[in-house]
């Protein structure tokens, strides 16, 4: 399918000293889809996102991304340039002293000039309601602002796909509503991990439940399918 962006076929994964968290998983993400991913804590949701971008390797099965099978580190380096991963903990994503340095890091590493990176930073922060935050000290921000800056670092890469690990966790109602509006308007395919059915229902086109190492459709109040 020409619109297929990500495909997992019969994918399994087990940690060396733990149980199997994925067993024969099949999942496709097509252009324009926003797929919600739910399931219990420790059930493998974060693991699945990390497999897609090659931070860990599946023990069985095949992973295709952007029209090609992905097996080696050079393969996944290309994937990470097109699939933006938002970590569950903002402190794992933000490592520079200031907001502008964090958000500009990705564009600069993709070869953008300093002027181009500054323009991307300004546009991205403005989109997220963070205009004027360029010189703020990142580690002094509130959790909600850190989540927004983390999302800015991902969007600044101008990805084709967003992989979002609990983007709504710990947010106040106002910040959560802002993120809902932003994500709902972005013309990007997404996989969004969340424990909030209402959050996902406002954004996603379908949802799946990762439980007992397997995926099944999850009903958000409308027909869904894997």
N, C-alpha and C. Protein backbone atom coordinates (compact mmCIF):
# COMPACT_ATOMS: atom_id res chain seq x y z
N UNK A 1 0.85 -1.19 0.00
CA UNK A 1 0.00 0.00 0.00
C UNK A 1 0.88 1.25 0.00
N UNK A 2 0.63 2.14 -0.91
CA UNK A 2 1.52 3.30 -1.05
C UNK A 2 1.40 4.27 0.11
N UNK A 3 0.25 4.23 0.83
CA UNK A 3 0.06 5.15 1.95
C UNK A 3 0.50 4.54 3.28
N UNK A 4 1.01 3.31 3.26
CA UNK A 4 1.45 2.68 4.50
C UNK A 4 2.79 3.27 4.92
N UNK A 5 2.86 3.73 6.15
CA UNK A 5 4.08 4.35 6.66
C UNK A 5 4.86 3.41 7.56
N UNK A 6 4.15 2.69 8.42
CA UNK A 6 4.78 1.77 9.37
C UNK A 6 4.04 0.44 9.31
N UNK A 7 4.78 -0.66 9.34
CA UNK A 7 4.15 -1.97 9.42
C UNK A 7 4.98 -2.89 10.31
N UNK A 8 4.33 -3.47 11.31
CA UNK A 8 4.93 -4.52 12.13
C UNK A 8 4.24 -5.82 11.77
N UNK A 9 5.01 -6.84 11.43
CA UNK A 9 4.44 -8.14 11.07
C UNK A 9 5.04 -9.22 11.95
N UNK A 10 4.17 -9.86 12.74
CA UNK A 10 4.56 -10.99 13.58
C UNK A 10 5.74 -10.63 14.50
N UNK A 11 5.71 -9.44 15.05
CA UNK A 11 6.82 -8.94 15.86
C UNK A 11 6.70 -9.43 17.30
N UNK A 12 7.82 -9.94 17.82
CA UNK A 12 7.89 -10.38 19.21
C UNK A 12 9.10 -9.76 19.87
N UNK A 13 8.99 -9.58 21.19
CA UNK A 13 10.12 -9.04 21.95
C UNK A 13 10.02 -9.49 23.39
N UNK A 14 11.18 -9.88 23.94
CA UNK A 14 11.27 -10.25 25.35
C UNK A 14 12.54 -9.64 25.93
N UNK A 15 12.43 -9.09 27.13
CA UNK A 15 13.61 -8.58 27.82
C UNK A 15 14.41 -9.76 28.38
N UNK A 16 15.73 -9.61 28.46
CA UNK A 16 16.57 -10.74 28.88
C UNK A 16 16.17 -11.36 30.22
N UNK A 17 15.77 -10.54 31.18
CA UNK A 17 15.45 -11.06 32.50
C UNK A 17 13.98 -10.81 32.87
N UNK A 18 13.16 -10.72 31.85
CA UNK A 18 11.73 -10.50 32.08
C UNK A 18 10.92 -11.34 31.11
N UNK A 19 9.63 -11.22 31.21
CA UNK A 19 8.76 -11.98 30.33
C UNK A 19 8.64 -11.36 28.95
N UNK A 20 8.01 -12.08 28.05
CA UNK A 20 7.77 -11.56 26.70
C UNK A 20 6.70 -10.48 26.77
N UNK A 21 6.98 -9.32 26.19
CA UNK A 21 6.02 -8.22 26.22
C UNK A 21 5.31 -8.03 24.88
N UNK A 22 5.86 -8.58 23.81
CA UNK A 22 5.20 -8.58 22.51
C UNK A 22 5.29 -9.99 21.94
N UNK A 23 4.17 -10.47 21.41
CA UNK A 23 4.15 -11.83 20.88
C UNK A 23 3.32 -11.86 19.60
N UNK A 24 4.01 -11.94 18.46
CA UNK A 24 3.33 -12.03 17.17
C UNK A 24 2.47 -10.84 16.84
N UNK A 25 2.96 -9.64 17.16
CA UNK A 25 2.16 -8.42 16.98
C UNK A 25 2.16 -7.98 15.52
N UNK A 26 0.98 -7.65 15.02
CA UNK A 26 0.80 -7.05 13.70
C UNK A 26 0.16 -5.67 13.89
N UNK A 27 0.73 -4.68 13.22
CA UNK A 27 0.18 -3.33 13.31
C UNK A 27 0.58 -2.54 12.08
N UNK A 28 -0.35 -1.78 11.51
CA UNK A 28 -0.05 -0.90 10.40
C UNK A 28 -0.48 0.52 10.74
N UNK A 29 0.34 1.46 10.29
CA UNK A 29 0.00 2.88 10.41
C UNK A 29 0.06 3.47 9.01
N UNK A 30 -1.08 3.99 8.56
CA UNK A 30 -1.17 4.56 7.22
C UNK A 30 -1.25 6.08 7.29
N UNK A 31 -0.97 6.71 6.18
CA UNK A 31 -1.00 8.17 6.12
C UNK A 31 -2.36 8.69 6.60
N UNK A 32 -2.32 9.70 7.46
CA UNK A 32 -3.54 10.31 7.97
C UNK A 32 -4.16 9.64 9.16
N UNK A 33 -3.66 8.46 9.55
CA UNK A 33 -4.22 7.76 10.70
C UNK A 33 -3.62 8.28 12.01
N UNK A 34 -4.45 8.29 13.04
CA UNK A 34 -3.99 8.57 14.40
C UNK A 34 -4.45 7.40 15.25
N UNK A 35 -3.53 6.55 15.62
CA UNK A 35 -3.85 5.32 16.32
C UNK A 35 -3.56 5.47 17.81
N UNK A 36 -4.58 5.26 18.62
CA UNK A 36 -4.40 5.25 20.07
C UNK A 36 -3.90 3.89 20.52
N UNK A 37 -2.98 3.88 21.48
CA UNK A 37 -2.42 2.64 22.01
C UNK A 37 -2.63 2.64 23.52
N UNK A 38 -3.46 1.71 23.98
CA UNK A 38 -3.77 1.62 25.40
C UNK A 38 -3.30 0.28 25.93
N UNK A 39 -3.35 0.13 27.26
CA UNK A 39 -2.94 -1.11 27.88
C UNK A 39 -2.41 -0.87 29.28
N UNK A 40 -2.21 -1.94 30.05
CA UNK A 40 -1.76 -1.79 31.43
C UNK A 40 -0.33 -1.30 31.52
N UNK A 41 0.03 -0.74 32.66
CA UNK A 41 1.42 -0.34 32.91
C UNK A 41 2.33 -1.56 32.78
N UNK A 42 3.47 -1.35 32.13
CA UNK A 42 4.41 -2.45 31.95
C UNK A 42 4.01 -3.45 30.89
N UNK A 43 2.98 -3.10 30.11
CA UNK A 43 2.46 -4.05 29.13
C UNK A 43 3.17 -4.05 27.79
N UNK A 44 4.12 -3.11 27.57
CA UNK A 44 4.87 -3.13 26.32
C UNK A 44 4.60 -1.98 25.38
N UNK A 45 3.81 -1.00 25.80
CA UNK A 45 3.47 0.10 24.90
C UNK A 45 4.70 0.93 24.54
N UNK A 46 5.48 1.31 25.53
CA UNK A 46 6.71 2.06 25.27
C UNK A 46 7.68 1.21 24.46
N UNK A 47 7.76 -0.08 24.78
CA UNK A 47 8.63 -1.00 24.03
C UNK A 47 8.29 -0.99 22.55
N UNK A 48 6.99 -1.01 22.23
CA UNK A 48 6.57 -1.01 20.83
C UNK A 48 7.05 0.25 20.12
N UNK A 49 6.91 1.41 20.75
CA UNK A 49 7.37 2.66 20.13
C UNK A 49 8.88 2.63 19.93
N UNK A 50 9.61 2.14 20.92
CA UNK A 50 11.07 2.09 20.82
C UNK A 50 11.53 1.12 19.72
N UNK A 51 10.77 0.05 19.50
CA UNK A 51 11.10 -0.87 18.41
C UNK A 51 10.97 -0.18 17.05
N UNK A 52 9.94 0.64 16.90
CA UNK A 52 9.69 1.27 15.61
C UNK A 52 10.87 2.14 15.18
N UNK A 53 11.50 2.81 16.14
CA UNK A 53 12.61 3.71 15.80
C UNK A 53 13.98 3.06 16.04
N UNK A 54 13.99 1.78 16.38
CA UNK A 54 15.26 1.05 16.47
C UNK A 54 16.05 1.27 17.73
N UNK A 55 15.43 1.77 18.79
CA UNK A 55 16.16 1.90 20.06
C UNK A 55 16.40 0.53 20.69
N UNK A 56 15.52 -0.43 20.37
CA UNK A 56 15.72 -1.83 20.70
C UNK A 56 15.33 -2.64 19.47
N UNK A 57 15.73 -3.90 19.43
CA UNK A 57 15.49 -4.74 18.25
C UNK A 57 14.55 -5.87 18.58
N UNK A 58 13.62 -6.13 17.67
CA UNK A 58 12.69 -7.24 17.89
C UNK A 58 13.42 -8.57 17.84
N UNK A 59 12.92 -9.53 18.60
CA UNK A 59 13.53 -10.86 18.61
C UNK A 59 12.98 -11.74 17.50
N UNK A 60 11.80 -11.40 17.02
CA UNK A 60 11.19 -12.11 15.88
C UNK A 60 10.36 -11.12 15.08
N UNK A 61 10.14 -11.45 13.81
CA UNK A 61 9.23 -10.67 13.00
C UNK A 61 9.93 -9.63 12.13
N UNK A 62 9.11 -8.87 11.43
CA UNK A 62 9.60 -7.88 10.48
C UNK A 62 9.03 -6.51 10.79
N UNK A 63 9.84 -5.49 10.56
CA UNK A 63 9.40 -4.11 10.73
C UNK A 63 9.71 -3.35 9.45
N UNK A 64 8.68 -2.77 8.84
CA UNK A 64 8.81 -1.93 7.65
C UNK A 64 8.49 -0.49 8.03
N UNK A 65 9.26 0.43 7.49
CA UNK A 65 8.98 1.84 7.72
C UNK A 65 9.32 2.62 6.46
N UNK A 66 8.36 3.43 6.01
CA UNK A 66 8.55 4.31 4.87
C UNK A 66 9.00 3.53 3.63
N UNK A 67 8.32 2.39 3.43
CA UNK A 67 8.49 1.64 2.20
C UNK A 67 9.62 0.63 2.16
N UNK A 68 10.33 0.45 3.28
CA UNK A 68 11.48 -0.47 3.27
C UNK A 68 11.52 -1.28 4.55
N UNK A 69 12.03 -2.51 4.48
CA UNK A 69 12.29 -3.25 5.72
C UNK A 69 13.43 -2.58 6.48
N UNK A 70 13.32 -2.58 7.80
CA UNK A 70 14.34 -1.92 8.63
C UNK A 70 14.94 -2.97 9.58
N UNK A 71 16.26 -3.15 9.46
CA UNK A 71 16.93 -4.18 10.25
C UNK A 71 18.18 -3.67 10.94
N UNK A 72 18.93 -2.79 10.29
CA UNK A 72 20.23 -2.37 10.80
C UNK A 72 20.16 -0.95 11.35
N UNK A 73 21.22 -0.54 12.08
CA UNK A 73 21.25 0.81 12.64
C UNK A 73 21.16 1.89 11.56
N UNK A 74 21.88 1.78 10.43
CA UNK A 74 21.69 2.80 9.38
C UNK A 74 20.24 2.88 8.89
N UNK A 75 19.55 1.72 8.81
CA UNK A 75 18.13 1.73 8.44
C UNK A 75 17.33 2.58 9.41
N UNK A 76 17.57 2.38 10.70
CA UNK A 76 16.77 3.07 11.71
C UNK A 76 17.19 4.52 11.88
N UNK A 77 18.42 4.86 11.54
CA UNK A 77 18.81 6.28 11.55
C UNK A 77 17.93 7.05 10.58
N UNK A 78 17.62 6.45 9.43
CA UNK A 78 16.70 7.09 8.48
C UNK A 78 15.29 7.18 9.06
N UNK A 79 14.86 6.14 9.76
CA UNK A 79 13.52 6.16 10.36
C UNK A 79 13.41 7.29 11.39
N UNK A 80 14.44 7.44 12.22
CA UNK A 80 14.39 8.45 13.28
C UNK A 80 14.37 9.87 12.72
N UNK A 81 14.81 10.04 11.49
CA UNK A 81 14.73 11.36 10.85
C UNK A 81 13.32 11.68 10.38
N UNK A 82 12.47 10.64 10.28
CA UNK A 82 11.11 10.84 9.76
C UNK A 82 10.02 10.51 10.76
N UNK A 83 10.37 9.81 11.84
CA UNK A 83 9.40 9.44 12.87
C UNK A 83 9.84 10.07 14.18
N UNK A 84 9.10 11.05 14.64
CA UNK A 84 9.46 11.77 15.86
C UNK A 84 8.91 11.09 17.09
N UNK A 85 9.81 10.69 18.01
CA UNK A 85 9.42 10.00 19.23
C UNK A 85 9.40 10.97 20.40
N UNK A 86 8.25 11.09 21.05
CA UNK A 86 8.11 11.87 22.27
C UNK A 86 8.21 10.91 23.45
N UNK A 87 9.24 11.10 24.28
CA UNK A 87 9.44 10.22 25.42
C UNK A 87 8.39 10.49 26.50
N UNK A 88 8.12 9.47 27.31
CA UNK A 88 7.15 9.59 28.39
C UNK A 88 7.59 10.62 29.42
N UNK A 89 8.88 10.68 29.72
CA UNK A 89 9.42 11.61 30.70
C UNK A 89 10.12 12.75 29.97
N UNK A 90 9.64 13.99 30.09
CA UNK A 90 10.28 15.10 29.38
C UNK A 90 11.76 15.26 29.71
N UNK A 91 12.16 14.89 30.92
CA UNK A 91 13.56 15.03 31.31
C UNK A 91 14.47 14.09 30.53
N UNK A 92 13.89 13.05 29.90
CA UNK A 92 14.68 12.18 29.01
C UNK A 92 14.87 12.81 27.64
N UNK A 93 14.05 13.81 27.32
CA UNK A 93 14.08 14.44 25.99
C UNK A 93 14.85 15.74 25.99
N UNK A 94 14.83 16.44 27.10
CA UNK A 94 15.39 17.79 27.17
C UNK A 94 16.73 17.74 27.89
N UNK A 95 17.78 18.11 27.19
CA UNK A 95 19.12 17.98 27.77
C UNK A 95 19.98 19.23 27.60
N UNK A 96 19.45 20.26 26.94
CA UNK A 96 20.21 21.49 26.74
C UNK A 96 19.81 22.52 27.80
N UNK A 97 20.65 23.52 28.04
CA UNK A 97 20.35 24.51 29.08
C UNK A 97 19.09 25.33 28.79
N UNK A 98 18.86 25.70 27.54
CA UNK A 98 17.74 26.59 27.23
C UNK A 98 16.79 25.95 26.22
N UNK A 99 15.59 26.51 26.18
CA UNK A 99 14.57 26.00 25.26
C UNK A 99 15.02 26.10 23.82
N UNK A 100 15.60 27.23 23.42
CA UNK A 100 15.99 27.39 22.03
C UNK A 100 17.04 26.36 21.63
N UNK A 101 17.95 26.02 22.53
CA UNK A 101 18.98 25.03 22.19
C UNK A 101 18.36 23.64 22.04
N UNK A 102 17.41 23.31 22.92
CA UNK A 102 16.76 22.00 22.81
C UNK A 102 15.98 21.88 21.50
N UNK A 103 15.20 22.90 21.16
CA UNK A 103 14.33 22.81 19.98
C UNK A 103 15.15 22.90 18.69
N UNK A 104 16.24 23.65 18.72
CA UNK A 104 17.08 23.80 17.52
C UNK A 104 17.98 22.61 17.28
N UNK A 105 18.18 21.77 18.29
CA UNK A 105 19.14 20.67 18.18
C UNK A 105 18.83 19.75 17.00
N UNK A 106 17.57 19.33 16.87
CA UNK A 106 17.20 18.42 15.79
C UNK A 106 17.38 19.03 14.41
N UNK A 107 16.82 20.21 14.15
CA UNK A 107 17.00 20.82 12.84
C UNK A 107 18.47 21.03 12.47
N UNK A 108 19.28 21.45 13.41
CA UNK A 108 20.70 21.65 13.13
C UNK A 108 21.37 20.33 12.75
N UNK A 109 20.98 19.26 13.42
CA UNK A 109 21.57 17.95 13.12
C UNK A 109 21.04 17.37 11.81
N UNK A 110 19.95 17.92 11.31
CA UNK A 110 19.45 17.51 10.00
C UNK A 110 20.05 18.37 8.88
N UNK A 111 20.95 19.27 9.25
CA UNK A 111 21.64 20.07 8.24
C UNK A 111 21.07 21.44 7.99
N UNK A 112 20.11 21.88 8.81
CA UNK A 112 19.57 23.22 8.63
C UNK A 112 20.63 24.26 9.04
N UNK A 113 20.58 25.41 8.39
CA UNK A 113 21.48 26.48 8.78
C UNK A 113 21.00 27.09 10.10
N UNK A 114 21.86 27.90 10.73
CA UNK A 114 21.47 28.54 11.99
C UNK A 114 20.24 29.42 11.80
N UNK A 115 20.18 30.16 10.70
CA UNK A 115 19.02 31.01 10.44
C UNK A 115 17.76 30.18 10.23
N UNK A 116 17.89 29.08 9.47
CA UNK A 116 16.74 28.20 9.24
C UNK A 116 16.27 27.59 10.56
N UNK A 117 17.22 27.17 11.39
CA UNK A 117 16.86 26.57 12.68
C UNK A 117 16.15 27.57 13.58
N UNK A 118 16.63 28.81 13.59
CA UNK A 118 15.98 29.83 14.42
C UNK A 118 14.54 30.07 13.97
N UNK A 119 14.34 30.08 12.66
CA UNK A 119 12.98 30.28 12.14
C UNK A 119 12.07 29.11 12.50
N UNK A 120 12.60 27.89 12.42
CA UNK A 120 11.82 26.71 12.79
C UNK A 120 11.47 26.75 14.27
N UNK A 121 12.45 27.13 15.10
CA UNK A 121 12.20 27.23 16.54
C UNK A 121 11.08 28.23 16.82
N UNK A 122 11.17 29.40 16.22
CA UNK A 122 10.16 30.44 16.45
C UNK A 122 8.78 29.97 16.02
N UNK A 123 8.69 29.37 14.83
CA UNK A 123 7.40 28.90 14.33
C UNK A 123 6.82 27.79 15.21
N UNK A 124 7.68 26.87 15.63
CA UNK A 124 7.21 25.72 16.43
C UNK A 124 6.76 26.17 17.81
N UNK A 125 7.52 27.03 18.44
CA UNK A 125 7.11 27.52 19.76
C UNK A 125 5.82 28.33 19.67
N UNK A 126 5.68 29.10 18.61
CA UNK A 126 4.45 29.87 18.43
C UNK A 126 3.25 28.94 18.28
N UNK A 127 3.41 27.86 17.52
CA UNK A 127 2.35 26.87 17.33
C UNK A 127 1.88 26.31 18.67
N UNK A 128 2.83 26.11 19.58
CA UNK A 128 2.52 25.47 20.86
C UNK A 128 2.20 26.48 21.97
N UNK A 129 2.06 27.74 21.59
CA UNK A 129 1.75 28.75 22.59
C UNK A 129 2.91 29.09 23.49
N UNK A 130 4.14 28.91 22.99
CA UNK A 130 5.35 29.15 23.78
C UNK A 130 6.20 30.27 23.18
N UNK A 131 5.59 31.17 22.44
CA UNK A 131 6.35 32.29 21.88
C UNK A 131 7.00 33.07 23.02
N UNK A 132 8.27 33.39 22.86
CA UNK A 132 9.00 34.12 23.87
C UNK A 132 9.72 33.26 24.89
N UNK A 133 9.59 31.93 24.73
CA UNK A 133 10.23 31.01 25.68
C UNK A 133 11.65 30.62 25.28
N UNK A 134 12.16 31.15 24.18
CA UNK A 134 13.45 30.69 23.66
C UNK A 134 14.55 30.65 24.71
N UNK A 135 14.66 31.67 25.51
CA UNK A 135 15.79 31.77 26.45
C UNK A 135 15.45 31.30 27.85
N UNK A 136 14.30 30.65 28.02
CA UNK A 136 13.95 30.12 29.33
C UNK A 136 14.85 28.92 29.67
N UNK A 137 15.16 28.75 30.93
CA UNK A 137 15.97 27.62 31.40
C UNK A 137 15.07 26.38 31.45
N UNK A 138 15.44 25.37 30.69
CA UNK A 138 14.53 24.24 30.49
C UNK A 138 14.20 23.53 31.80
N UNK A 139 15.19 23.25 32.62
CA UNK A 139 14.92 22.43 33.80
C UNK A 139 14.11 23.16 34.86
N UNK A 140 13.91 24.47 34.70
CA UNK A 140 13.11 25.23 35.66
C UNK A 140 11.64 25.34 35.25
N UNK A 141 11.29 24.80 34.10
CA UNK A 141 9.91 24.88 33.63
C UNK A 141 9.02 23.91 34.40
N UNK A 142 7.72 24.19 34.41
CA UNK A 142 6.73 23.27 34.99
C UNK A 142 6.66 22.01 34.13
N UNK A 143 6.05 20.96 34.69
CA UNK A 143 5.88 19.71 33.93
C UNK A 143 5.13 19.96 32.64
N UNK A 144 4.04 20.74 32.70
CA UNK A 144 3.27 21.01 31.49
C UNK A 144 4.07 21.71 30.43
N UNK A 145 4.85 22.71 30.83
CA UNK A 145 5.68 23.44 29.87
C UNK A 145 6.79 22.54 29.33
N UNK A 146 7.34 21.68 30.18
CA UNK A 146 8.36 20.74 29.69
C UNK A 146 7.77 19.81 28.64
N UNK A 147 6.54 19.36 28.85
CA UNK A 147 5.91 18.49 27.85
C UNK A 147 5.73 19.23 26.52
N UNK A 148 5.31 20.48 26.60
CA UNK A 148 5.14 21.26 25.38
C UNK A 148 6.47 21.49 24.69
N UNK A 149 7.53 21.79 25.43
CA UNK A 149 8.84 21.98 24.82
C UNK A 149 9.34 20.66 24.23
N UNK A 150 9.09 19.55 24.92
CA UNK A 150 9.46 18.25 24.38
C UNK A 150 8.76 17.99 23.05
N UNK A 151 7.46 18.30 22.99
CA UNK A 151 6.73 18.16 21.74
C UNK A 151 7.30 19.09 20.68
N UNK A 152 7.73 20.29 21.08
CA UNK A 152 8.35 21.21 20.12
C UNK A 152 9.62 20.63 19.53
N UNK A 153 10.43 19.93 20.35
CA UNK A 153 11.66 19.34 19.82
C UNK A 153 11.35 18.28 18.76
N UNK A 154 10.22 17.59 18.94
CA UNK A 154 9.82 16.57 17.96
C UNK A 154 9.27 17.22 16.69
N UNK A 155 8.39 18.19 16.85
CA UNK A 155 7.78 18.84 15.68
C UNK A 155 8.80 19.63 14.88
N UNK A 156 9.83 20.16 15.54
CA UNK A 156 10.85 20.93 14.83
C UNK A 156 11.63 20.07 13.84
N UNK A 157 11.60 18.76 14.02
CA UNK A 157 12.26 17.84 13.08
C UNK A 157 11.44 17.68 11.78
N UNK A 158 10.23 18.22 11.78
CA UNK A 158 9.31 18.14 10.64
C UNK A 158 9.11 16.68 10.18
N UNK A 159 8.68 15.83 11.13
CA UNK A 159 8.55 14.40 10.83
C UNK A 159 7.30 14.09 10.00
N UNK A 160 7.29 12.88 9.46
CA UNK A 160 6.10 12.37 8.77
C UNK A 160 5.16 11.65 9.74
N UNK A 161 5.74 11.12 10.83
CA UNK A 161 5.00 10.32 11.80
C UNK A 161 5.35 10.80 13.20
N UNK A 162 4.35 10.85 14.08
CA UNK A 162 4.58 11.13 15.49
C UNK A 162 4.32 9.88 16.31
N UNK A 163 5.24 9.56 17.21
CA UNK A 163 5.10 8.47 18.16
C UNK A 163 5.13 9.10 19.55
N UNK A 164 3.97 9.19 20.19
CA UNK A 164 3.82 10.00 21.39
C UNK A 164 3.53 9.10 22.59
N UNK A 165 4.43 9.11 23.56
CA UNK A 165 4.31 8.25 24.73
C UNK A 165 3.74 9.05 25.90
N UNK A 166 2.43 8.91 26.12
CA UNK A 166 1.70 9.58 27.18
C UNK A 166 1.90 11.11 27.18
N UNK A 167 1.57 11.75 26.08
CA UNK A 167 1.76 13.21 26.00
C UNK A 167 0.86 13.99 26.95
N UNK A 168 -0.17 13.32 27.50
CA UNK A 168 -1.13 13.99 28.38
C UNK A 168 -0.88 13.75 29.86
N UNK A 169 0.14 12.95 30.20
CA UNK A 169 0.32 12.55 31.60
C UNK A 169 0.68 13.74 32.49
N UNK A 170 -0.04 13.89 33.58
CA UNK A 170 0.28 14.90 34.57
C UNK A 170 -0.03 16.32 34.17
N UNK A 171 -0.85 16.53 33.18
CA UNK A 171 -1.12 17.89 32.70
C UNK A 171 -2.38 18.46 33.36
N UNK A 172 -2.40 19.78 33.52
CA UNK A 172 -3.63 20.43 33.94
C UNK A 172 -4.59 20.49 32.76
N UNK A 173 -5.83 20.81 33.03
CA UNK A 173 -6.86 20.77 31.99
C UNK A 173 -6.56 21.72 30.84
N UNK A 174 -6.05 22.90 31.15
CA UNK A 174 -5.77 23.89 30.10
C UNK A 174 -4.68 23.42 29.16
N UNK A 175 -3.60 22.87 29.73
CA UNK A 175 -2.50 22.40 28.89
C UNK A 175 -2.91 21.18 28.09
N UNK A 176 -3.69 20.28 28.72
CA UNK A 176 -4.17 19.10 27.99
C UNK A 176 -5.04 19.52 26.81
N UNK A 177 -5.92 20.48 27.04
CA UNK A 177 -6.79 20.96 25.95
C UNK A 177 -5.97 21.56 24.82
N UNK A 178 -4.91 22.26 25.17
CA UNK A 178 -4.04 22.85 24.15
C UNK A 178 -3.39 21.75 23.31
N UNK A 179 -2.90 20.70 23.97
CA UNK A 179 -2.26 19.61 23.23
C UNK A 179 -3.27 18.87 22.36
N UNK A 180 -4.47 18.67 22.87
CA UNK A 180 -5.53 18.04 22.07
C UNK A 180 -5.77 18.83 20.79
N UNK A 181 -5.92 20.14 20.92
CA UNK A 181 -6.18 20.98 19.75
C UNK A 181 -5.03 20.95 18.75
N UNK A 182 -3.81 20.97 19.26
CA UNK A 182 -2.64 20.96 18.38
C UNK A 182 -2.56 19.65 17.62
N UNK A 183 -2.68 18.53 18.34
CA UNK A 183 -2.54 17.22 17.70
C UNK A 183 -3.68 16.96 16.72
N UNK A 184 -4.89 17.38 17.07
CA UNK A 184 -6.04 17.14 16.20
C UNK A 184 -5.92 17.89 14.88
N UNK A 185 -5.19 18.99 14.87
CA UNK A 185 -5.07 19.80 13.66
C UNK A 185 -3.84 19.44 12.81
N UNK A 186 -2.91 18.68 13.38
CA UNK A 186 -1.71 18.34 12.60
C UNK A 186 -2.02 17.29 11.54
N UNK A 187 -1.56 17.49 10.29
CA UNK A 187 -1.83 16.55 9.22
C UNK A 187 -0.80 15.42 9.19
N UNK A 188 -0.56 14.80 10.35
CA UNK A 188 0.47 13.78 10.46
C UNK A 188 -0.13 12.48 10.97
N UNK A 189 0.44 11.36 10.54
CA UNK A 189 0.08 10.08 11.12
C UNK A 189 0.70 9.98 12.51
N UNK A 190 0.00 9.32 13.43
CA UNK A 190 0.47 9.25 14.81
C UNK A 190 0.13 7.91 15.44
N UNK A 191 0.97 7.50 16.38
CA UNK A 191 0.62 6.48 17.36
C UNK A 191 0.74 7.17 18.72
N UNK A 192 -0.35 7.16 19.48
CA UNK A 192 -0.39 7.90 20.74
C UNK A 192 -0.69 6.94 21.88
N UNK A 193 0.25 6.83 22.81
CA UNK A 193 0.04 6.04 24.02
C UNK A 193 -0.63 6.92 25.07
N UNK A 194 -1.70 6.43 25.67
CA UNK A 194 -2.36 7.16 26.75
C UNK A 194 -3.24 6.21 27.54
N UNK A 195 -3.43 6.54 28.84
CA UNK A 195 -4.37 5.81 29.67
C UNK A 195 -5.73 6.49 29.68
N UNK A 196 -5.85 7.62 28.98
CA UNK A 196 -7.09 8.39 29.00
C UNK A 196 -7.90 8.13 27.75
N UNK A 197 -9.02 7.45 27.93
CA UNK A 197 -9.91 7.17 26.80
C UNK A 197 -10.46 8.46 26.21
N UNK A 198 -10.80 9.43 27.08
CA UNK A 198 -11.37 10.69 26.58
C UNK A 198 -10.34 11.48 25.79
N UNK A 199 -9.10 11.47 26.22
CA UNK A 199 -8.03 12.16 25.49
C UNK A 199 -7.90 11.56 24.10
N UNK A 200 -7.82 10.24 24.02
CA UNK A 200 -7.65 9.58 22.72
C UNK A 200 -8.87 9.76 21.83
N UNK A 201 -10.04 9.76 22.42
CA UNK A 201 -11.27 9.88 21.63
C UNK A 201 -11.35 11.21 20.88
N UNK A 202 -10.69 12.24 21.42
CA UNK A 202 -10.71 13.54 20.77
C UNK A 202 -9.72 13.66 19.61
N UNK A 203 -8.80 12.72 19.51
CA UNK A 203 -7.70 12.88 18.56
C UNK A 203 -7.64 11.74 17.55
N UNK A 204 -7.80 10.51 18.02
CA UNK A 204 -7.45 9.35 17.20
C UNK A 204 -8.56 8.95 16.24
N UNK A 205 -8.17 8.21 15.21
CA UNK A 205 -9.11 7.64 14.26
C UNK A 205 -9.47 6.20 14.61
N UNK A 206 -8.64 5.53 15.38
CA UNK A 206 -8.89 4.18 15.87
C UNK A 206 -7.94 3.91 17.02
N UNK A 207 -8.16 2.80 17.73
CA UNK A 207 -7.31 2.48 18.86
C UNK A 207 -7.12 0.98 18.98
N UNK A 208 -6.00 0.60 19.60
CA UNK A 208 -5.70 -0.81 19.86
C UNK A 208 -5.24 -0.95 21.31
N UNK A 209 -5.47 -2.15 21.84
CA UNK A 209 -5.15 -2.46 23.24
C UNK A 209 -4.01 -3.48 23.25
N UNK A 210 -2.91 -3.14 23.91
CA UNK A 210 -1.78 -4.05 24.06
C UNK A 210 -1.88 -4.69 25.44
N UNK A 211 -2.21 -5.97 25.44
CA UNK A 211 -2.47 -6.68 26.69
C UNK A 211 -2.05 -8.13 26.52
N UNK A 212 -1.37 -8.67 27.53
CA UNK A 212 -0.88 -10.06 27.47
C UNK A 212 -0.05 -10.28 26.21
N UNK A 213 0.74 -9.25 25.85
CA UNK A 213 1.72 -9.31 24.75
C UNK A 213 1.11 -9.30 23.37
N UNK A 214 -0.21 -9.12 23.26
CA UNK A 214 -0.86 -9.11 21.95
C UNK A 214 -1.73 -7.87 21.80
N UNK A 215 -2.02 -7.53 20.55
CA UNK A 215 -2.85 -6.37 20.23
C UNK A 215 -4.27 -6.81 19.86
N UNK A 216 -5.24 -6.01 20.27
CA UNK A 216 -6.62 -6.23 19.86
C UNK A 216 -7.28 -4.88 19.69
N UNK A 217 -8.35 -4.78 18.90
CA UNK A 217 -9.04 -3.50 18.74
C UNK A 217 -9.58 -2.99 20.07
N UNK A 218 -9.59 -1.69 20.22
CA UNK A 218 -10.11 -1.06 21.44
C UNK A 218 -11.16 -0.04 21.04
N UNK A 219 -12.33 -0.13 21.66
CA UNK A 219 -13.47 0.68 21.27
C UNK A 219 -13.46 2.02 22.01
N UNK A 220 -13.32 3.10 21.25
CA UNK A 220 -13.41 4.45 21.80
C UNK A 220 -14.76 5.07 21.51
N UNK A 221 -15.74 4.23 21.21
CA UNK A 221 -17.07 4.73 20.92
C UNK A 221 -17.36 4.82 19.45
N UNK A 222 -16.51 4.23 18.62
CA UNK A 222 -16.72 4.18 17.17
C UNK A 222 -16.05 2.91 16.67
N UNK A 223 -16.41 2.40 15.49
CA UNK A 223 -15.80 1.18 14.99
C UNK A 223 -14.29 1.34 14.84
N UNK A 224 -13.53 0.34 15.26
CA UNK A 224 -12.10 0.35 15.15
C UNK A 224 -11.62 -0.99 14.61
N UNK A 225 -10.42 -1.00 14.04
CA UNK A 225 -9.85 -2.24 13.54
C UNK A 225 -8.35 -2.10 13.49
N UNK A 226 -7.66 -3.20 13.64
CA UNK A 226 -6.20 -3.18 13.54
C UNK A 226 -5.81 -3.06 12.08
